[in-house]
Amino acid sequence: MAQYQPTFLPECCKLRTTLNQARRIPNPVSEKRWENNRQACKAGQRLSKVADTIGWMDEAAKGQPKGVATAQLGLSLAAIHTTTEMASGLISDLCANPEYFEALRNEVISVLGDKGWSKRALHDLKLMDSVMKESQRHHFGDIGKALVSGMSSPTSC
């Protein structure tokens, strides 16, 4: 009887309802793309490829039944988690090294003042990129460390 209990818990019911609502967004898009590709295939035309996550998931599914909404939610969760980890590590490192504030501030003011918010401007934030990469290098191993019994790990590089 205990195995059926989660089915009726309010939290589980809410989760199923939320997942069903989430499916209403990407599933029709995916189904429409599959139908367009089926029609194009019958007509001997090239299949359309779309460079977004729904298109990538459809391509990876290779015609198999798929859970686009579930996969999209998982991808979003991973993206939010890694972005949050990177940002919190970066903020922590900058608080520990406030001498970088002025140089970073000057670079941002200079680059964004000249080019505004654009891909090119982001590309030109060289110091910012370097600081972020260095922070990631220091915090890379913070997640998922597992040692076999008897193994040791250095505490610093």
Protein backbone atom coordinates (compact mmCIF):
# COMPACT_ATOMS: atom_id res chain seq x y z
CA MET A 1 0.00 0.00 0.00
CA ALA A 2 2.87 2.39 0.76
CA GLN A 3 4.00 2.27 -2.88
CA TYR A 4 0.74 3.91 -4.01
CA GLN A 5 0.76 6.62 -1.35
CA PRO A 6 2.87 9.16 -3.32
CA THR A 7 0.28 9.08 -6.10
CA PHE A 8 -2.25 10.75 -3.85
CA LEU A 9 -0.02 13.18 -1.98
CA PRO A 10 -0.92 16.82 -2.75
CA GLU A 11 2.67 17.60 -3.75
CA CYS A 12 2.70 14.74 -6.29
CA CYS A 13 -0.67 15.78 -7.72
CA LYS A 14 0.60 19.36 -8.07
CA LEU A 15 3.79 18.12 -9.76
CA ARG A 16 1.81 16.08 -12.32
CA THR A 17 -0.47 19.06 -12.99
CA THR A 18 2.52 21.37 -13.47
CA LEU A 19 4.24 18.88 -15.79
CA ASN A 20 1.07 18.56 -17.88
CA GLN A 21 0.93 22.36 -18.14
CA ALA A 22 4.60 22.42 -19.16
CA ARG A 23 3.92 19.86 -21.91
CA ARG A 24 1.43 22.23 -23.54
CA ILE A 25 4.24 24.57 -24.59
CA PRO A 26 6.89 22.54 -26.46
CA ASN A 27 4.88 19.46 -27.50
CA PRO A 28 2.67 21.22 -30.10
CA VAL A 29 5.76 22.95 -31.54
CA SER A 30 7.58 19.63 -31.79
CA GLU A 31 4.57 17.84 -33.29
CA LYS A 32 4.11 20.59 -35.91
CA ARG A 33 7.79 20.35 -36.88
CA TRP A 34 7.57 16.56 -37.17
CA GLU A 35 4.48 16.88 -39.36
CA ASN A 36 6.18 19.50 -41.58
CA ASN A 37 9.22 17.23 -41.93
CA ARG A 38 7.01 14.22 -42.79
CA GLN A 39 5.30 16.25 -45.52
CA ALA A 40 8.64 17.54 -46.82
CA CYS A 41 9.99 14.00 -46.91
CA LYS A 42 6.96 12.78 -48.91
CA ALA A 43 7.39 15.70 -51.33
CA GLY A 44 11.11 14.98 -51.72
CA GLN A 45 12.11 18.28 -50.15
CA ARG A 46 14.86 18.96 -47.63
CA LEU A 47 13.94 18.54 -44.00
CA SER A 48 14.00 21.73 -41.99
CA LYS A 49 16.44 21.99 -39.10
CA VAL A 50 15.86 24.44 -36.30
CA ALA A 51 18.70 25.53 -34.02
CA ASP A 52 16.87 25.56 -30.71
CA THR A 53 16.60 23.04 -27.90
CA ILE A 54 13.34 21.57 -29.17
CA GLY A 55 14.96 20.99 -32.57
CA TRP A 56 18.06 19.45 -30.98
CA MET A 57 15.94 17.12 -28.86
CA ASP A 58 13.86 16.09 -31.87
CA GLU A 59 17.05 15.36 -33.80
CA ALA A 60 18.49 13.34 -30.91
CA ALA A 61 15.24 11.34 -30.57
CA LYS A 62 15.76 9.91 -34.11
CA GLY A 63 12.07 9.23 -34.61
CA GLN A 64 11.52 7.63 -31.22
CA PRO A 65 8.77 8.75 -28.86
CA LYS A 66 10.11 11.54 -26.75
CA GLY A 67 9.29 13.66 -23.75
CA VAL A 68 10.25 17.10 -25.05
CA ALA A 69 8.77 18.93 -22.06
CA THR A 70 10.48 16.66 -19.55
CA ALA A 71 13.81 16.94 -21.36
CA GLN A 72 13.42 20.73 -21.63
CA LEU A 73 12.72 20.98 -17.89
CA GLY A 74 15.78 18.83 -17.12
CA LEU A 75 17.96 20.95 -19.39
CA SER A 76 16.64 24.14 -17.78
CA LEU A 77 17.32 22.76 -14.31
CA ALA A 78 20.89 21.88 -15.26
CA ALA A 79 21.43 25.28 -16.90
CA ILE A 80 20.08 27.15 -13.89
CA HIS A 81 22.17 25.06 -11.51
CA THR A 82 25.45 25.49 -13.40
CA THR A 83 24.84 29.20 -13.97
CA THR A 84 24.08 29.72 -10.29
CA GLU A 85 27.16 27.76 -9.25
CA MET A 86 29.35 29.78 -11.63
CA ALA A 87 27.89 33.11 -10.51
CA SER A 88 28.17 32.33 -6.80
CA GLY A 89 31.78 31.15 -7.24
CA LEU A 90 32.61 34.28 -9.22
CA ILE A 91 31.04 36.59 -6.63
CA SER A 92 32.87 34.75 -3.86
CA ASP A 93 36.19 35.10 -5.69
CA LEU A 94 35.61 38.79 -6.42
CA CYS A 95 34.74 39.46 -2.77
CA ALA A 96 37.97 37.74 -1.78
CA ASN A 97 39.92 39.81 -4.36
CA PRO A 98 38.36 43.30 -4.47
CA GLU A 99 41.42 44.68 -6.26
CA TYR A 100 39.85 43.45 -9.54
CA PHE A 101 36.69 45.58 -9.19
CA GLU A 102 38.14 48.76 -10.66
CA ALA A 103 39.73 47.07 -13.70
CA LEU A 104 36.56 45.08 -14.43
CA ARG A 105 34.36 48.15 -13.99
CA ASN A 106 36.57 50.18 -16.37
CA GLU A 107 36.51 47.42 -18.99
CA VAL A 108 32.71 47.13 -18.86
CA ILE A 109 32.22 50.91 -19.06
CA SER A 110 34.66 51.18 -21.96
CA VAL A 111 33.41 48.25 -24.04
CA LEU A 112 29.68 48.69 -23.46
CA GLY A 113 29.99 52.46 -23.85
CA ASP A 114 31.52 52.00 -27.31
CA LYS A 115 29.50 49.06 -28.60
CA GLY A 116 26.40 48.77 -26.40
CA TRP A 117 25.01 45.35 -25.55
CA SER A 118 25.94 43.12 -28.48
CA LYS A 119 27.68 39.83 -29.17
CA ARG A 120 30.74 41.75 -30.30
CA ALA A 121 30.82 43.74 -27.07
CA LEU A 122 30.62 40.57 -24.99
CA HIS A 123 33.46 39.13 -27.07
CA ASP A 124 35.57 42.18 -26.28
CA LEU A 125 35.22 41.80 -22.50
CA LYS A 126 38.57 40.01 -22.34
CA LEU A 127 39.37 40.68 -18.68
CA MET A 128 35.85 39.66 -17.63
CA ASP A 129 36.20 36.44 -19.61
CA SER A 130 39.57 35.73 -18.05
CA VAL A 131 38.30 36.35 -14.51
CA MET A 132 35.29 34.10 -15.10
CA LYS A 133 37.44 31.30 -16.51
CA GLU A 134 39.87 31.52 -13.62
CA SER A 135 37.02 31.39 -11.14
CA GLN A 136 35.57 28.33 -12.87
CA ARG A 137 38.99 26.70 -12.81
CA HIS A 138 39.14 27.13 -9.04
CA HIS A 139 35.59 25.91 -8.43
CA PHE A 140 35.40 23.17 -11.08
CA GLY A 141 35.93 20.28 -8.67
CA ASP A 142 33.51 21.49 -6.01
CA ILE A 143 30.71 19.28 -7.28
CA GLY A 144 30.67 15.51 -7.41
CA LYS A 145 33.92 14.64 -5.66
CA ALA A 146 33.94 10.93 -4.92
CA LEU A 147 36.91 9.02 -3.58
CA VAL A 148 37.32 5.31 -3.23
CA SER A 149 38.17 4.22 0.31
CA GLY A 150 41.87 4.77 0.96
CA MET A 151 42.31 7.46 -1.74
CA SER A 152 43.30 11.00 -0.90
CA SER A 153 42.87 14.28 -2.71
CA PRO A 154 45.05 17.40 -2.48
CA THR A 155 43.31 20.28 -0.72
CA SER A 156 44.79 22.94 -3.01
CA CYS A 157 46.53 23.20 -6.37
